[in-house]
Amino acid sequence: MTRFIILRRCIVETKTVAITMGDPAGIGPEIIVKALS
């Protein structure tokens, strides 16, 4: 039972972030990679 509660808490606390990269040939993807690293 405790294991289920801990797993559920981790799922609830996880946040989703969406980032648009714009033109795939531009500088957007490079900036996203540096920001996430």
PDB file of N, CA and C in Angstrom:
ATOM      1  N   MET A   1       0.830  -1.197   0.000  1.00  0.00           N
ATOM      2  CA  MET A   1       0.000   0.000   0.000  1.00  0.00           C
ATOM      3  C   MET A   1       0.871   1.257   0.000  1.00  0.00           C
ATOM      4  N   THR A   2       1.922   1.280   0.796  1.00  0.00           N
ATOM      5  CA  THR A   2       2.802   2.446   0.853  1.00  0.00           C
ATOM      6  C   THR A   2       3.465   2.701  -0.489  1.00  0.00           C
ATOM      7  N   ARG A   3       3.849   1.638  -1.168  1.00  0.00           N
ATOM      8  CA  ARG A   3       4.496   1.761  -2.472  1.00  0.00           C
ATOM      9  C   ARG A   3       3.576   2.447  -3.477  1.00  0.00           C
ATOM     10  N   PHE A   4       2.297   2.107  -3.467  1.00  0.00           N
ATOM     11  CA  PHE A   4       1.322   2.717  -4.365  1.00  0.00           C
ATOM     12  C   PHE A   4       1.188   4.212  -4.082  1.00  0.00           C
ATOM     13  N   ILE A   5       1.153   4.589  -2.825  1.00  0.00           N
ATOM     14  CA  ILE A   5       1.017   6.003  -2.449  1.00  0.00           C
ATOM     15  C   ILE A   5       2.233   6.795  -2.912  1.00  0.00           C
ATOM     16  N   ILE A   6       3.432   6.267  -2.740  1.00  0.00           N
ATOM     17  CA  ILE A   6       4.649   6.960  -3.173  1.00  0.00           C
ATOM     18  C   ILE A   6       4.658   7.109  -4.688  1.00  0.00           C
ATOM     19  N   LEU A   7       4.318   6.047  -5.412  1.00  0.00           N
ATOM     20  CA  LEU A   7       4.281   6.100  -6.873  1.00  0.00           C
ATOM     21  C   LEU A   7       3.257   7.123  -7.343  1.00  0.00           C
ATOM     22  N   ARG A   8       2.101   7.130  -6.740  1.00  0.00           N
ATOM     23  CA  ARG A   8       1.054   8.076  -7.127  1.00  0.00           C
ATOM     24  C   ARG A   8       1.501   9.507  -6.864  1.00  0.00           C
ATOM     25  N   ARG A   9       2.159   9.758  -5.756  1.00  0.00           N
ATOM     26  CA  ARG A   9       2.633  11.096  -5.423  1.00  0.00           C
ATOM     27  C   ARG A   9       3.636  11.576  -6.468  1.00  0.00           C
ATOM     28  N   CYS A  10       4.538  10.706  -6.918  1.00  0.00           N
ATOM     29  CA  CYS A  10       5.521  11.070  -7.940  1.00  0.00           C
ATOM     30  C   CYS A  10       4.840  11.435  -9.247  1.00  0.00           C
ATOM     31  N   ILE A  11       3.817  10.692  -9.627  1.00  0.00           N
ATOM     32  CA  ILE A  11       3.102  10.972 -10.874  1.00  0.00           C
ATOM     33  C   ILE A  11       2.368  12.303 -10.778  1.00  0.00           C
ATOM     34  N   VAL A  12       1.742  12.587  -9.652  1.00  0.00           N
ATOM     35  CA  VAL A  12       0.979  13.825  -9.479  1.00  0.00           C
ATOM     36  C   VAL A  12       1.902  15.037  -9.472  1.00  0.00           C
ATOM     37  N   GLU A  13       3.093  14.927  -8.874  1.00  0.00           N
ATOM     38  CA  GLU A  13       3.990  16.067  -8.749  1.00  0.00           C
ATOM     39  C   GLU A  13       4.796  16.351 -10.014  1.00  0.00           C
ATOM     40  N   THR A  14       4.761  15.454 -10.992  1.00  0.00           N
ATOM     41  CA  THR A  14       5.510  15.658 -12.226  1.00  0.00           C
ATOM     42  C   THR A  14       4.818  16.711 -13.083  1.00  0.00           C
ATOM     43  N   LYS A  15       5.566  17.665 -13.554  1.00  0.00           N
ATOM     44  CA  LYS A  15       5.017  18.733 -14.382  1.00  0.00           C
ATOM     45  C   LYS A  15       5.407  18.501 -15.835  1.00  0.00           C
ATOM     46  N   THR A  16       4.539  18.901 -16.749  1.00  0.00           N
ATOM     47  CA  THR A  16       4.808  18.774 -18.172  1.00  0.00           C
ATOM     48  C   THR A  16       5.150  20.145 -18.727  1.00  0.00           C
ATOM     49  N   VAL A  17       6.219  20.209 -19.489  1.00  0.00           N
ATOM     50  CA  VAL A  17       6.637  21.464 -20.103  1.00  0.00           C
ATOM     51  C   VAL A  17       6.655  21.262 -21.611  1.00  0.00           C
ATOM     52  N   ALA A  18       6.003  22.163 -22.331  1.00  0.00           N
ATOM     53  CA  ALA A  18       6.003  22.097 -23.794  1.00  0.00           C
ATOM     54  C   ALA A  18       6.781  23.287 -24.332  1.00  0.00           C
ATOM     55  N   ILE A  19       7.681  23.027 -25.253  1.00  0.00           N
ATOM     56  CA  ILE A  19       8.502  24.082 -25.848  1.00  0.00           C
ATOM     57  C   ILE A  19       8.364  23.985 -27.359  1.00  0.00           C
ATOM     58  N   THR A  20       8.055  25.114 -27.982  1.00  0.00           N
ATOM     59  CA  THR A  20       8.008  25.116 -29.444  1.00  0.00           C
ATOM     60  C   THR A  20       9.383  25.494 -29.955  1.00  0.00           C
ATOM     61  N   MET A  21       9.826  24.832 -31.012  1.00  0.00           N
ATOM     62  CA  MET A  21      11.178  25.093 -31.498  1.00  0.00           C
ATOM     63  C   MET A  21      11.205  25.969 -32.734  1.00  0.00           C
ATOM     64  N   GLY A  22      10.051  26.315 -33.283  1.00  0.00           N
ATOM     65  CA  GLY A  22      10.035  27.182 -34.465  1.00  0.00           C
ATOM     66  C   GLY A  22      10.579  26.471 -35.690  1.00  0.00           C
ATOM     67  N   ASP A  23      11.424  27.141 -36.432  1.00  0.00           N
ATOM     68  CA  ASP A  23      11.996  26.596 -37.664  1.00  0.00           C
ATOM     69  C   ASP A  23      13.032  25.525 -37.321  1.00  0.00           C
ATOM     70  N   PRO A  24      12.850  24.277 -37.758  1.00  0.00           N
ATOM     71  CA  PRO A  24      13.806  23.212 -37.440  1.00  0.00           C
ATOM     72  C   PRO A  24      15.225  23.484 -37.940  1.00  0.00           C
ATOM     73  N   ALA A  25      15.359  24.305 -38.974  1.00  0.00           N
ATOM     74  CA  ALA A  25      16.687  24.614 -39.506  1.00  0.00           C
ATOM     75  C   ALA A  25      17.295  25.839 -38.827  1.00  0.00           C
ATOM     76  N   GLY A  26      16.528  26.487 -37.957  1.00  0.00           N
ATOM     77  CA  GLY A  26      17.010  27.700 -37.291  1.00  0.00           C
ATOM     78  C   GLY A  26      17.781  27.390 -36.018  1.00  0.00           C
ATOM     79  N   ILE A  27      17.872  28.390 -35.146  1.00  0.00           N
ATOM     80  CA  ILE A  27      18.653  28.246 -33.912  1.00  0.00           C
ATOM     81  C   ILE A  27      17.802  27.720 -32.747  1.00  0.00           C
ATOM     82  N   GLY A  28      16.486  27.659 -32.905  1.00  0.00           N
ATOM     83  CA  GLY A  28      15.587  27.215 -31.832  1.00  0.00           C
ATOM     84  C   GLY A  28      15.952  25.886 -31.204  1.00  0.00           C
ATOM     85  N   PRO A  29      16.131  24.817 -32.005  1.00  0.00           N
ATOM     86  CA  PRO A  29      16.472  23.518 -31.409  1.00  0.00           C
ATOM     87  C   PRO A  29      17.769  23.547 -30.598  1.00  0.00           C
ATOM     88  N   GLU A  30      18.727  24.318 -31.040  1.00  0.00           N
ATOM     89  CA  GLU A  30      20.005  24.432 -30.327  1.00  0.00           C
ATOM     90  C   GLU A  30      19.800  25.078 -28.954  1.00  0.00           C
ATOM     91  N   ILE A  31      18.980  26.104 -28.900  1.00  0.00           N
ATOM     92  CA  ILE A  31      18.701  26.796 -27.638  1.00  0.00           C
ATOM     93  C   ILE A  31      17.949  25.874 -26.685  1.00  0.00           C
ATOM     94  N   ILE A  32      16.996  25.108 -27.206  1.00  0.00           N
ATOM     95  CA  ILE A  32      16.235  24.181 -26.371  1.00  0.00           C
ATOM     96  C   ILE A  32      17.156  23.134 -25.759  1.00  0.00           C
ATOM     97  N   VAL A  33      18.057  22.580 -26.537  1.00  0.00           N
ATOM     98  CA  VAL A  33      18.990  21.562 -26.030  1.00  0.00           C
ATOM     99  C   VAL A  33      19.869  22.144 -24.938  1.00  0.00           C
ATOM    100  N   LYS A  34      20.377  23.346 -25.114  1.00  0.00           N
ATOM    101  CA  LYS A  34      21.234  23.973 -24.095  1.00  0.00           C
ATOM    102  C   LYS A  34      20.445  24.304 -22.840  1.00  0.00           C
ATOM    103  N   ALA A  35      19.186  24.730 -22.994  1.00  0.00           N
ATOM    104  CA  ALA A  35      18.363  25.069 -21.832  1.00  0.00           C
ATOM    105  C   ALA A  35      18.026  23.828 -21.006  1.00  0.00           C
ATOM    106  N   LEU A  36      17.817  22.699 -21.659  1.00  0.00           N
ATOM    107  CA  LEU A  36      17.460  21.474 -20.943  1.00  0.00           C
ATOM    108  C   LEU A  36      18.660  20.738 -20.363  1.00  0.00           C
ATOM    109  N   SER A  37      19.857  21.064 -20.804  1.00  0.00           N
ATOM    110  CA  SER A  37      21.034  20.352 -20.283  1.00  0.00           C
ATOM    111  C   SER A  37      21.615  21.016 -19.056  1.00  0.00           C
TER     112      SER A  37
END
